[in-house]
Amino acid sequence: MRVFNTHPAPDFLVTARVLQEVREYLPVLAAKKKLSAPEMTAIVSLLPLRQYPGDAYAAFIPQATELVGDRDPDDVETLALAFAMEAPIWTNDRDFEGVRVTTYTTAALLALPGGG
């Protein structure tokens, strides 16, 4: 995606939980893409990901829990981080609908000028 090739590339804000989920899913994703796990790990390491500690978004956990906690508790930290940083969320997950945060699907990012 060209969005990753812009200079400087935008940072994608993530929580520790998101990075852990990515690491756990890497072997499955690698197999789907017919790559080795080390190759997929190397690709992910090139992404401009900026991990934020829990204290950066802790104040927004109650609000995020109220909005998505019943739908998917795993999404609470991501929504809290989005609130704290006033940032959109890149997701194909419909659990974020109606939570007053801009979301972008992968298809929407690719459709942006310079995105695909």
PDB file of N, CA and C in Angstrom:
ATOM      1  N   MET A   1       0.837  -1.178   0.000  1.00  0.00           N
ATOM      2  CA  MET A   1       0.000   0.000   0.000  1.00  0.00           C
ATOM      3  C   MET A   1       0.877   1.234   0.000  1.00  0.00           C
ATOM      4  N   ARG A   2       0.527   2.166  -0.837  1.00  0.00           N
ATOM      5  CA  ARG A   2       1.304   3.396  -0.895  1.00  0.00           C
ATOM      6  C   ARG A   2       1.236   4.196   0.390  1.00  0.00           C
ATOM      7  N   VAL A   3       0.183   4.013   1.187  1.00  0.00           N
ATOM      8  CA  VAL A   3       0.091   4.750   2.441  1.00  0.00           C
ATOM      9  C   VAL A   3       1.318   4.484   3.316  1.00  0.00           C
ATOM     10  N   PHE A   4       1.906   3.287   3.201  1.00  0.00           N
ATOM     11  CA  PHE A   4       3.105   2.968   3.974  1.00  0.00           C
ATOM     12  C   PHE A   4       4.367   3.502   3.316  1.00  0.00           C
ATOM     13  N   ASN A   5       4.289   3.901   2.066  1.00  0.00           N
ATOM     14  CA  ASN A   5       5.459   4.383   1.346  1.00  0.00           C
ATOM     15  C   ASN A   5       5.565   5.896   1.314  1.00  0.00           C
ATOM     16  N   THR A   6       4.611   6.610   1.917  1.00  0.00           N
ATOM     17  CA  THR A   6       4.709   8.060   1.958  1.00  0.00           C
ATOM     18  C   THR A   6       5.832   8.436   2.920  1.00  0.00           C
ATOM     19  N   HIS A   7       6.384   9.594   2.712  1.00  0.00           N
ATOM     20  CA  HIS A   7       7.499  10.020   3.564  1.00  0.00           C
ATOM     21  C   HIS A   7       7.143  11.317   4.238  1.00  0.00           C
ATOM     22  N   PRO A   8       7.079  11.386   5.524  1.00  0.00           N
ATOM     23  CA  PRO A   8       7.197  10.228   6.412  1.00  0.00           C
ATOM     24  C   PRO A   8       5.892   9.436   6.421  1.00  0.00           C
ATOM     25  N   ALA A   9       6.004   8.139   6.602  1.00  0.00           N
ATOM     26  CA  ALA A   9       4.810   7.289   6.674  1.00  0.00           C
ATOM     27  C   ALA A   9       4.061   7.619   7.956  1.00  0.00           C
ATOM     28  N   PRO A  10       2.733   7.576   7.891  1.00  0.00           N
ATOM     29  CA  PRO A  10       1.979   7.852   9.123  1.00  0.00           C
ATOM     30  C   PRO A  10       2.189   6.732  10.124  1.00  0.00           C
ATOM     31  N   ASP A  11       2.229   7.084  11.398  1.00  0.00           N
ATOM     32  CA  ASP A  11       2.308   6.071  12.441  1.00  0.00           C
ATOM     33  C   ASP A  11       0.925   5.482  12.657  1.00  0.00           C
ATOM     34  N   PHE A  12       0.885   4.198  12.915  1.00  0.00           N
ATOM     35  CA  PHE A  12      -0.342   3.533  13.297  1.00  0.00           C
ATOM     36  C   PHE A  12      -0.230   3.247  14.786  1.00  0.00           C
ATOM     37  N   LEU A  13      -1.150   3.799  15.551  1.00  0.00           N
ATOM     38  CA  LEU A  13      -1.115   3.697  17.002  1.00  0.00           C
ATOM     39  C   LEU A  13      -1.726   2.364  17.418  1.00  0.00           C
ATOM     40  N   VAL A  14      -1.051   1.652  18.296  1.00  0.00           N
ATOM     41  CA  VAL A  14      -1.533   0.347  18.730  1.00  0.00           C
ATOM     42  C   VAL A  14      -1.328   0.167  20.222  1.00  0.00           C
ATOM     43  N   THR A  15      -2.109  -0.753  20.765  1.00  0.00           N
ATOM     44  CA  THR A  15      -1.953  -1.141  22.164  1.00  0.00           C
ATOM     45  C   THR A  15      -1.105  -2.408  22.228  1.00  0.00           C
ATOM     46  N   ALA A  16      -0.630  -2.726  23.399  1.00  0.00           N
ATOM     47  CA  ALA A  16       0.128  -3.970  23.582  1.00  0.00           C
ATOM     48  C   ALA A  16      -0.732  -5.175  23.215  1.00  0.00           C
ATOM     49  N   ARG A  17      -2.038  -5.109  23.525  1.00  0.00           N
ATOM     50  CA  ARG A  17      -2.936  -6.224  23.209  1.00  0.00           C
ATOM     51  C   ARG A  17      -2.999  -6.460  21.699  1.00  0.00           C
ATOM     52  N   VAL A  18      -3.073  -5.386  20.933  1.00  0.00           N
ATOM     53  CA  VAL A  18      -3.128  -5.520  19.472  1.00  0.00           C
ATOM     54  C   VAL A  18      -1.847  -6.176  18.957  1.00  0.00           C
ATOM     55  N   LEU A  19      -0.707  -5.723  19.437  1.00  0.00           N
ATOM     56  CA  LEU A  19       0.552  -6.322  18.985  1.00  0.00           C
ATOM     57  C   LEU A  19       0.639  -7.795  19.363  1.00  0.00           C
ATOM     58  N   GLN A  20       0.125  -8.157  20.527  1.00  0.00           N
ATOM     59  CA  GLN A  20       0.126  -9.558  20.934  1.00  0.00           C
ATOM     60  C   GLN A  20      -0.761 -10.379  20.007  1.00  0.00           C
ATOM     61  N   GLU A  21      -1.931  -9.845  19.651  1.00  0.00           N
ATOM     62  CA  GLU A  21      -2.825 -10.552  18.737  1.00  0.00           C
ATOM     63  C   GLU A  21      -2.173 -10.724  17.364  1.00  0.00           C
ATOM     64  N   VAL A  22      -1.471  -9.698  16.912  1.00  0.00           N
ATOM     65  CA  VAL A  22      -0.777  -9.786  15.626  1.00  0.00           C
ATOM     66  C   VAL A  22       0.274 -10.890  15.686  1.00  0.00           C
ATOM     67  N   ARG A  23       1.059 -10.911  16.748  1.00  0.00           N
ATOM     68  CA  ARG A  23       2.101 -11.940  16.882  1.00  0.00           C
ATOM     69  C   ARG A  23       1.502 -13.350  16.891  1.00  0.00           C
ATOM     70  N   GLU A  24       0.376 -13.507  17.581  1.00  0.00           N
ATOM     71  CA  GLU A  24      -0.267 -14.813  17.652  1.00  0.00           C
ATOM     72  C   GLU A  24      -0.809 -15.245  16.292  1.00  0.00           C
ATOM     73  N   TYR A  25      -1.260 -14.289  15.493  1.00  0.00           N
ATOM     74  CA  TYR A  25      -1.887 -14.580  14.210  1.00  0.00           C
ATOM     75  C   TYR A  25      -0.874 -14.704  13.071  1.00  0.00           C
ATOM     76  N   LEU A  26       0.367 -14.287  13.289  1.00  0.00           N
ATOM     77  CA  LEU A  26       1.372 -14.298  12.222  1.00  0.00           C
ATOM     78  C   LEU A  26       1.533 -15.648  11.526  1.00  0.00           C
ATOM     79  N   PRO A  27       1.617 -16.765  12.228  1.00  0.00           N
ATOM     80  CA  PRO A  27       1.766 -18.038  11.509  1.00  0.00           C
ATOM     81  C   PRO A  27       0.590 -18.331  10.572  1.00  0.00           C
ATOM     82  N   VAL A  28      -0.614 -18.003  10.999  1.00  0.00           N
ATOM     83  CA  VAL A  28      -1.796 -18.237  10.164  1.00  0.00           C
ATOM     84  C   VAL A  28      -1.748 -17.334   8.937  1.00  0.00           C
ATOM     85  N   LEU A  29      -1.443 -16.063   9.155  1.00  0.00           N
ATOM     86  CA  LEU A  29      -1.360 -15.116   8.047  1.00  0.00           C
ATOM     87  C   LEU A  29      -0.244 -15.502   7.079  1.00  0.00           C
ATOM     88  N   ALA A  30       0.881 -15.914   7.623  1.00  0.00           N
ATOM     89  CA  ALA A  30       2.001 -16.336   6.774  1.00  0.00           C
ATOM     90  C   ALA A  30       1.593 -17.502   5.886  1.00  0.00           C
ATOM     91  N   ALA A  31       0.904 -18.471   6.457  1.00  0.00           N
ATOM     92  CA  ALA A  31       0.463 -19.625   5.675  1.00  0.00           C
ATOM     93  C   ALA A  31      -0.501 -19.200   4.566  1.00  0.00           C
ATOM     94  N   LYS A  32      -1.419 -18.282   4.887  1.00  0.00           N
ATOM     95  CA  LYS A  32      -2.368 -17.805   3.877  1.00  0.00           C
ATOM     96  C   LYS A  32      -1.652 -17.106   2.726  1.00  0.00           C
ATOM     97  N   LYS A  33      -0.574 -16.414   3.033  1.00  0.00           N
ATOM     98  CA  LYS A  33       0.176 -15.670   2.022  1.00  0.00           C
ATOM     99  C   LYS A  33       1.319 -16.473   1.433  1.00  0.00           C
ATOM    100  N   LYS A  34       1.424 -17.735   1.851  1.00  0.00           N
ATOM    101  CA  LYS A  34       2.481 -18.635   1.379  1.00  0.00           C
ATOM    102  C   LYS A  34       3.882 -18.077   1.673  1.00  0.00           C
ATOM    103  N   LEU A  35       4.022 -17.563   2.886  1.00  0.00           N
ATOM    104  CA  LEU A  35       5.300 -17.055   3.374  1.00  0.00           C
ATOM    105  C   LEU A  35       5.679 -17.826   4.629  1.00  0.00           C
ATOM    106  N   SER A  36       6.946 -17.757   4.970  1.00  0.00           N
ATOM    107  CA  SER A  36       7.367 -18.362   6.227  1.00  0.00           C
ATOM    108  C   SER A  36       7.018 -17.408   7.367  1.00  0.00           C
ATOM    109  N   ALA A  37       6.941 -17.951   8.567  1.00  0.00           N
ATOM    110  CA  ALA A  37       6.666 -17.108   9.732  1.00  0.00           C
ATOM    111  C   ALA A  37       7.734 -16.023   9.901  1.00  0.00           C
ATOM    112  N   PRO A  38       9.038 -16.352   9.719  1.00  0.00           N
ATOM    113  CA  PRO A  38      10.048 -15.288   9.822  1.00  0.00           C
ATOM    114  C   PRO A  38       9.884 -14.193   8.759  1.00  0.00           C
ATOM    115  N   GLU A  39       9.478 -14.588   7.546  1.00  0.00           N
ATOM    116  CA  GLU A  39       9.243 -13.573   6.507  1.00  0.00           C
ATOM    117  C   GLU A  39       8.096 -12.651   6.902  1.00  0.00           C
ATOM    118  N   MET A  40       7.004 -13.225   7.416  1.00  0.00           N
ATOM    119  CA  MET A  40       5.857 -12.417   7.815  1.00  0.00           C
ATOM    120  C   MET A  40       6.221 -11.528   8.996  1.00  0.00           C
ATOM    121  N   THR A  41       6.999 -12.047   9.923  1.00  0.00           N
ATOM    122  CA  THR A  41       7.449 -11.243  11.066  1.00  0.00           C
ATOM    123  C   THR A  41       8.275 -10.056  10.582  1.00  0.00           C
ATOM    124  N   ALA A  42       9.138 -10.290   9.606  1.00  0.00           N
ATOM    125  CA  ALA A  42       9.963  -9.203   9.052  1.00  0.00           C
ATOM    126  C   ALA A  42       9.087  -8.149   8.382  1.00  0.00           C
ATOM    127  N   ILE A  43       8.070  -8.580   7.670  1.00  0.00           N
ATOM    128  CA  ILE A  43       7.167  -7.628   7.010  1.00  0.00           C
ATOM    129  C   ILE A  43       6.448  -6.776   8.041  1.00  0.00           C
ATOM    130  N   VAL A  44       5.923  -7.401   9.073  1.00  0.00           N
ATOM    131  CA  VAL A  44       5.203  -6.657  10.107  1.00  0.00           C
ATOM    132  C   VAL A  44       6.141  -5.694  10.825  1.00  0.00           C
ATOM    133  N   SER A  45       7.394  -6.102  10.996  1.00  0.00           N
ATOM    134  CA  SER A  45       8.344  -5.217  11.686  1.00  0.00           C
ATOM    135  C   SER A  45       8.610  -3.936  10.912  1.00  0.00           C
ATOM    136  N   LEU A  46       8.317  -3.939   9.617  1.00  0.00           N
ATOM    137  CA  LEU A  46       8.516  -2.747   8.795  1.00  0.00           C
ATOM    138  C   LEU A  46       7.364  -1.757   8.886  1.00  0.00           C
ATOM    139  N   LEU A  47       6.238  -2.202   9.431  1.00  0.00           N
ATOM    140  CA  LEU A  47       5.083  -1.308   9.546  1.00  0.00           C
ATOM    141  C   LEU A  47       5.362  -0.209  10.570  1.00  0.00           C
ATOM    142  N   PRO A  48       4.889   0.998  10.291  1.00  0.00           N
ATOM    143  CA  PRO A  48       5.125   2.104  11.228  1.00  0.00           C
ATOM    144  C   PRO A  48       4.140   2.052  12.396  1.00  0.00           C
ATOM    145  N   LEU A  49       4.357   1.093  13.299  1.00  0.00           N
ATOM    146  CA  LEU A  49       3.479   0.921  14.443  1.00  0.00           C
ATOM    147  C   LEU A  49       4.083   1.601  15.660  1.00  0.00           C
ATOM    148  N   ARG A  50       3.267   2.364  16.359  1.00  0.00           N
ATOM    149  CA  ARG A  50       3.723   3.009  17.594  1.00  0.00           C
ATOM    150  C   ARG A  50       2.864   2.491  18.735  1.00  0.00           C
ATOM    151  N   GLN A  51       3.485   1.721  19.621  1.00  0.00           N
ATOM    152  CA  GLN A  51       2.754   1.149  20.754  1.00  0.00           C
ATOM    153  C   GLN A  51       2.637   2.178  21.873  1.00  0.00           C
ATOM    154  N   TYR A  52       1.436   2.264  22.438  1.00  0.00           N
ATOM    155  CA  TYR A  52       1.184   3.167  23.556  1.00  0.00           C
ATOM    156  C   TYR A  52       0.928   2.348  24.810  1.00  0.00           C
ATOM    157  N   PRO A  53       1.484   2.785  25.932  1.00  0.00           N
ATOM    158  CA  PRO A  53       1.246   2.078  27.192  1.00  0.00           C
ATOM    159  C   PRO A  53      -0.166   2.365  27.699  1.00  0.00           C
ATOM    160  N   GLY A  54      -0.664   1.494  28.552  1.00  0.00           N
ATOM    161  CA  GLY A  54      -2.013   1.624  29.082  1.00  0.00           C
ATOM    162  C   GLY A  54      -2.299   2.934  29.762  1.00  0.00           C
ATOM    163  N   ASP A  55      -1.283   3.526  30.390  1.00  0.00           N
ATOM    164  CA  ASP A  55      -1.559   4.787  31.090  1.00  0.00           C
ATOM    165  C   ASP A  55      -1.841   5.939  30.125  1.00  0.00           C
ATOM    166  N   ALA A  56      -1.510   5.781  28.848  1.00  0.00           N
ATOM    167  CA  ALA A  56      -1.781   6.831  27.860  1.00  0.00           C
ATOM    168  C   ALA A  56      -3.268   6.936  27.534  1.00  0.00           C
ATOM    169  N   TYR A  57      -4.019   5.866  27.785  1.00  0.00           N
ATOM    170  CA  TYR A  57      -5.440   5.868  27.442  1.00  0.00           C
ATOM    171  C   TYR A  57      -6.329   5.366  28.584  1.00  0.00           C
ATOM    172  N   ALA A  58      -5.763   5.150  29.753  1.00  0.00           N
ATOM    173  CA  ALA A  58      -6.505   4.580  30.888  1.00  0.00           C
ATOM    174  C   ALA A  58      -7.738   5.396  31.248  1.00  0.00           C
ATOM    175  N   ALA A  59      -7.665   6.703  31.128  1.00  0.00           N
ATOM    176  CA  ALA A  59      -8.802   7.555  31.490  1.00  0.00           C
ATOM    177  C   ALA A  59     -10.014   7.317  30.597  1.00  0.00           C
ATOM    178  N   PHE A  60      -9.799   6.752  29.410  1.00  0.00           N
ATOM    179  CA  PHE A  60     -10.890   6.528  28.464  1.00  0.00           C
ATOM    180  C   PHE A  60     -11.433   5.100  28.494  1.00  0.00           C
ATOM    181  N   ILE A  61     -10.858   4.245  29.330  1.00  0.00           N
ATOM    182  CA  ILE A  61     -11.317   2.854  29.416  1.00  0.00           C
ATOM    183  C   ILE A  61     -12.797   2.767  29.820  1.00  0.00           C
ATOM    184  N   PRO A  62     -13.260   3.509  30.839  1.00  0.00           N
ATOM    185  CA  PRO A  62     -14.684   3.394  31.196  1.00  0.00           C
ATOM    186  C   PRO A  62     -15.628   3.755  30.041  1.00  0.00           C
ATOM    187  N   GLN A  63     -15.327   4.830  29.337  1.00  0.00           N
ATOM    188  CA  GLN A  63     -16.159   5.243  28.211  1.00  0.00           C
ATOM    189  C   GLN A  63     -16.131   4.187  27.096  1.00  0.00           C
ATOM    190  N   ALA A  64     -14.954   3.683  26.787  1.00  0.00           N
ATOM    191  CA  ALA A  64     -14.818   2.669  25.740  1.00  0.00           C
ATOM    192  C   ALA A  64     -15.521   1.374  26.145  1.00  0.00           C
ATOM    193  N   THR A  65     -15.439   1.011  27.414  1.00  0.00           N
ATOM    194  CA  THR A  65     -16.107  -0.195  27.909  1.00  0.00           C
ATOM    195  C   THR A  65     -17.612  -0.071  27.746  1.00  0.00           C
ATOM    196  N   GLU A  66     -18.130   1.095  28.065  1.00  0.00           N
ATOM    197  CA  GLU A  66     -19.567   1.325  27.929  1.00  0.00           C
ATOM    198  C   GLU A  66     -20.020   1.181  26.476  1.00  0.00           C
ATOM    199  N   LEU A  67     -19.182   1.626  25.543  1.00  0.00           N
ATOM    200  CA  LEU A  67     -19.570   1.628  24.134  1.00  0.00           C
ATOM    201  C   LEU A  67     -19.362   0.294  23.425  1.00  0.00           C
ATOM    202  N   VAL A  68     -18.281  -0.418  23.714  1.00  0.00           N
ATOM    203  CA  VAL A  68     -18.009  -1.666  22.992  1.00  0.00           C
ATOM    204  C   VAL A  68     -17.754  -2.874  23.881  1.00  0.00           C
ATOM    205  N   GLY A  69     -17.738  -2.689  25.169  1.00  0.00           N
ATOM    206  CA  GLY A  69     -17.413  -3.782  26.083  1.00  0.00           C
ATOM    207  C   GLY A  69     -18.321  -4.984  25.949  1.00  0.00           C
ATOM    208  N   ASP A  70     -19.607  -4.750  25.694  1.00  0.00           N
ATOM    209  CA  ASP A  70     -20.537  -5.864  25.529  1.00  0.00           C
ATOM    210  C   ASP A  70     -20.390  -6.533  24.163  1.00  0.00           C
ATOM    211  N   ARG A  71     -19.973  -5.769  23.164  1.00  0.00           N
ATOM    212  CA  ARG A  71     -19.816  -6.315  21.806  1.00  0.00           C
ATOM    213  C   ARG A  71     -18.550  -7.153  21.704  1.00  0.00           C
ATOM    214  N   ASP A  72     -17.432  -6.548  22.137  1.00  0.00           N
ATOM    215  CA  ASP A  72     -16.151  -7.243  22.065  1.00  0.00           C
ATOM    216  C   ASP A  72     -15.181  -6.615  23.058  1.00  0.00           C
ATOM    217  N   PRO A  73     -15.021  -7.228  24.221  1.00  0.00           N
ATOM    218  CA  PRO A  73     -14.123  -6.667  25.240  1.00  0.00           C
ATOM    219  C   PRO A  73     -12.697  -6.452  24.735  1.00  0.00           C
ATOM    220  N   ASP A  74     -12.269  -7.216  23.737  1.00  0.00           N
ATOM    221  CA  ASP A  74     -10.921  -7.047  23.191  1.00  0.00           C
ATOM    222  C   ASP A  74     -10.757  -5.719  22.458  1.00  0.00           C
ATOM    223  N   ASP A  75     -11.851  -5.064  22.103  1.00  0.00           N
ATOM    224  CA  ASP A  75     -11.782  -3.792  21.384  1.00  0.00           C
ATOM    225  C   ASP A  75     -11.733  -2.573  22.296  1.00  0.00           C
ATOM    226  N   VAL A  76     -11.927  -2.767  23.592  1.00  0.00           N
ATOM    227  CA  VAL A  76     -12.007  -1.645  24.529  1.00  0.00           C
ATOM    228  C   VAL A  76     -10.735  -0.804  24.514  1.00  0.00           C
ATOM    229  N   GLU A  77      -9.578  -1.434  24.603  1.00  0.00           N
ATOM    230  CA  GLU A  77      -8.324  -0.676  24.659  1.00  0.00           C
ATOM    231  C   GLU A  77      -8.076   0.102  23.364  1.00  0.00           C
ATOM    232  N   THR A  78      -8.400  -0.503  22.234  1.00  0.00           N
ATOM    233  CA  THR A  78      -8.211   0.188  20.954  1.00  0.00           C
ATOM    234  C   THR A  78      -9.087   1.429  20.886  1.00  0.00           C
ATOM    235  N   LEU A  79     -10.334   1.309  21.308  1.00  0.00           N
ATOM    236  CA  LEU A  79     -11.232   2.466  21.291  1.00  0.00           C
ATOM    237  C   LEU A  79     -10.766   3.522  22.287  1.00  0.00           C
ATOM    238  N   ALA A  80     -10.334   3.101  23.456  1.00  0.00           N
ATOM    239  CA  ALA A  80      -9.824   4.052  24.453  1.00  0.00           C
ATOM    240  C   ALA A  80      -8.608   4.807  23.903  1.00  0.00           C
ATOM    241  N   LEU A  81      -7.720   4.113  23.215  1.00  0.00           N
ATOM    242  CA  LEU A  81      -6.554   4.762  22.617  1.00  0.00           C
ATOM    243  C   LEU A  81      -6.982   5.759  21.541  1.00  0.00           C
ATOM    244  N   ALA A  82      -7.962   5.378  20.732  1.00  0.00           N
ATOM    245  CA  ALA A  82      -8.463   6.290  19.699  1.00  0.00           C
ATOM    246  C   ALA A  82      -9.042   7.556  20.331  1.00  0.00           C
ATOM    247  N   PHE A  83      -9.790   7.399  21.413  1.00  0.00           N
ATOM    248  CA  PHE A  83     -10.327   8.570  22.120  1.00  0.00           C
ATOM    249  C   PHE A  83      -9.195   9.434  22.667  1.00  0.00           C
ATOM    250  N   ALA A  84      -8.230   8.801  23.322  1.00  0.00           N
ATOM    251  CA  ALA A  84      -7.134   9.539  23.957  1.00  0.00           C
ATOM    252  C   ALA A  84      -6.303  10.324  22.950  1.00  0.00           C
ATOM    253  N   MET A  85      -6.061   9.737  21.791  1.00  0.00           N
ATOM    254  CA  MET A  85      -5.201  10.359  20.794  1.00  0.00           C
ATOM    255  C   MET A  85      -5.987  11.099  19.711  1.00  0.00           C
ATOM    256  N   GLU A  86      -7.322  11.058  19.841  1.00  0.00           N
ATOM    257  CA  GLU A  86      -8.189  11.683  18.833  1.00  0.00           C
ATOM    258  C   GLU A  86      -7.793  11.207  17.439  1.00  0.00           C
ATOM    259  N   ALA A  87      -7.706   9.893  17.319  1.00  0.00           N
ATOM    260  CA  ALA A  87      -7.239   9.260  16.087  1.00  0.00           C
ATOM    261  C   ALA A  87      -8.308   8.320  15.539  1.00  0.00           C
ATOM    262  N   PRO A  88      -8.322   8.126  14.223  1.00  0.00           N
ATOM    263  CA  PRO A  88      -9.248   7.150  13.643  1.00  0.00           C
ATOM    264  C   PRO A  88      -8.748   5.732  13.894  1.00  0.00           C
ATOM    265  N   ILE A  89      -9.609   4.775  13.593  1.00  0.00           N
ATOM    266  CA  ILE A  89      -9.274   3.367  13.764  1.00  0.00           C
ATOM    267  C   ILE A  89      -9.294   2.681  12.407  1.00  0.00           C
ATOM    268  N   TRP A  90      -8.237   1.911  12.113  1.00  0.00           N
ATOM    269  CA  TRP A  90      -8.180   1.090  10.904  1.00  0.00           C
ATOM    270  C   TRP A  90      -8.688  -0.285  11.299  1.00  0.00           C
ATOM    271  N   THR A  91      -9.832  -0.653  10.780  1.00  0.00           N
ATOM    272  CA  THR A  91     -10.442  -1.922  11.155  1.00  0.00           C
ATOM    273  C   THR A  91     -11.451  -2.378  10.114  1.00  0.00           C
ATOM    274  N   ASN A  92     -11.634  -3.655  10.017  1.00  0.00           N
ATOM    275  CA  ASN A  92     -12.733  -4.215   9.239  1.00  0.00           C
ATOM    276  C   ASN A  92     -13.800  -4.756  10.183  1.00  0.00           C
ATOM    277  N   ASP A  93     -13.645  -4.462  11.453  1.00  0.00           N
ATOM    278  CA  ASP A  93     -14.521  -4.931  12.522  1.00  0.00           C
ATOM    279  C   ASP A  93     -15.715  -3.988  12.662  1.00  0.00           C
ATOM    280  N   ARG A  94     -16.903  -4.525  12.612  1.00  0.00           N
ATOM    281  CA  ARG A  94     -18.111  -3.700  12.702  1.00  0.00           C
ATOM    282  C   ARG A  94     -18.449  -3.325  14.141  1.00  0.00           C
ATOM    283  N   ASP A  95     -17.709  -3.837  15.106  1.00  0.00           N
ATOM    284  CA  ASP A  95     -17.983  -3.509  16.508  1.00  0.00           C
ATOM    285  C   ASP A  95     -17.758  -2.039  16.827  1.00  0.00           C
ATOM    286  N   PHE A  96     -17.050  -1.324  15.973  1.00  0.00           N
ATOM    287  CA  PHE A  96     -16.775   0.084  16.229  1.00  0.00           C
ATOM    288  C   PHE A  96     -17.832   1.020  15.641  1.00  0.00           C
ATOM    289  N   GLU A  97     -18.817   0.473  14.983  1.00  0.00           N
ATOM    290  CA  GLU A  97     -19.860   1.315  14.391  1.00  0.00           C
ATOM    291  C   GLU A  97     -20.630   2.041  15.488  1.00  0.00           C
ATOM    292  N   GLY A  98     -20.882   3.321  15.257  1.00  0.00           N
ATOM    293  CA  GLY A  98     -21.683   4.113  16.175  1.00  0.00           C
ATOM    294  C   GLY A  98     -20.992   4.529  17.454  1.00  0.00           C
ATOM    295  N   VAL A  99     -19.661   4.552  17.479  1.00  0.00           N
ATOM    296  CA  VAL A  99     -18.953   4.903  18.717  1.00  0.00           C
ATOM    297  C   VAL A  99     -18.274   6.268  18.653  1.00  0.00           C
ATOM    298  N   ARG A 100     -18.640   7.065  17.694  1.00  0.00           N
ATOM    299  CA  ARG A 100     -18.151   8.448  17.570  1.00  0.00           C
ATOM    300  C   ARG A 100     -16.639   8.535  17.322  1.00  0.00           C
ATOM    301  N   VAL A 101     -16.118   7.557  16.596  1.00  0.00           N
ATOM    302  CA  VAL A 101     -14.730   7.575  16.161  1.00  0.00           C
ATOM    303  C   VAL A 101     -14.735   7.228  14.683  1.00  0.00           C
ATOM    304  N   THR A 102     -13.960   7.965  13.913  1.00  0.00           N
ATOM    305  CA  THR A 102     -13.842   7.657  12.492  1.00  0.00           C
ATOM    306  C   THR A 102     -13.122   6.333  12.333  1.00  0.00           C
ATOM    307  N   THR A 103     -13.650   5.477  11.477  1.00  0.00           N
ATOM    308  CA  THR A 103     -12.995   4.218  11.180  1.00  0.00           C
ATOM    309  C   THR A 103     -12.732   4.126   9.680  1.00  0.00           C
ATOM    310  N   TYR A 104     -11.692   3.409   9.343  1.00  0.00           N
ATOM    311  CA  TYR A 104     -11.347   3.141   7.953  1.00  0.00           C
ATOM    312  C   TYR A 104     -11.186   1.641   7.789  1.00  0.00           C
ATOM    313  N   THR A 105     -11.864   1.074   6.818  1.00  0.00           N
ATOM    314  CA  THR A 105     -11.607  -0.311   6.464  1.00  0.00           C
ATOM    315  C   THR A 105     -10.359  -0.336   5.586  1.00  0.00           C
ATOM    316  N   THR A 106      -9.819  -1.502   5.383  1.00  0.00           N
ATOM    317  CA  THR A 106      -8.676  -1.621   4.485  1.00  0.00           C
ATOM    318  C   THR A 106      -9.049  -1.118   3.098  1.00  0.00           C
ATOM    319  N   ALA A 107     -10.242  -1.474   2.627  1.00  0.00           N
ATOM    320  CA  ALA A 107     -10.697  -1.018   1.305  1.00  0.00           C
ATOM    321  C   ALA A 107     -10.777   0.506   1.255  1.00  0.00           C
ATOM    322  N   ALA A 108     -11.248   1.132   2.308  1.00  0.00           N
ATOM    323  CA  ALA A 108     -11.338   2.597   2.335  1.00  0.00           C
ATOM    324  C   ALA A 108      -9.951   3.230   2.314  1.00  0.00           C
ATOM    325  N   LEU A 109      -9.006   2.645   3.034  1.00  0.00           N
ATOM    326  CA  LEU A 109      -7.630   3.176   2.996  1.00  0.00           C
ATOM    327  C   LEU A 109      -7.033   3.051   1.604  1.00  0.00           C
ATOM    328  N   LEU A 110      -7.288   1.921   0.971  1.00  0.00           N
ATOM    329  CA  LEU A 110      -6.765   1.724  -0.387  1.00  0.00           C
ATOM    330  C   LEU A 110      -7.382   2.695  -1.375  1.00  0.00           C
ATOM    331  N   ALA A 111      -8.611   3.130  -1.117  1.00  0.00           N
ATOM    332  CA  ALA A 111      -9.303   4.042  -2.006  1.00  0.00           C
ATOM    333  C   ALA A 111      -8.860   5.502  -1.838  1.00  0.00           C
ATOM    334  N   LEU A 112      -8.166   5.815  -0.749  1.00  0.00           N
ATOM    335  CA  LEU A 112      -7.679   7.172  -0.535  1.00  0.00           C
ATOM    336  C   LEU A 112      -6.615   7.513  -1.560  1.00  0.00           C
ATOM    337  N   PRO A 113      -6.492   8.790  -1.920  1.00  0.00           N
ATOM    338  CA  PRO A 113      -5.408   9.167  -2.827  1.00  0.00           C
ATOM    339  C   PRO A 113      -4.063   8.710  -2.247  1.00  0.00           C
ATOM    340  N   GLY A 114      -3.324   7.987  -3.041  1.00  0.00           N
ATOM    341  CA  GLY A 114      -2.022   7.462  -2.578  1.00  0.00           C
ATOM    342  C   GLY A 114      -2.151   6.218  -1.728  1.00  0.00           C
ATOM    343  N   GLY A 115      -3.373   5.729  -1.530  1.00  0.00           N
ATOM    344  CA  GLY A 115      -3.572   4.598  -0.629  1.00  0.00           C
ATOM    345  C   GLY A 115      -3.326   3.248  -1.246  1.00  0.00           C
ATOM    346  N   GLY A 116      -3.572   3.084  -2.509  1.00  0.00           N
ATOM    347  CA  GLY A 116      -3.494   1.728  -3.025  1.00  0.00           C
ATOM    348  C   GLY A 116      -2.571   1.496  -4.109  1.00  0.00           C
TER     349      GLY A 116
END
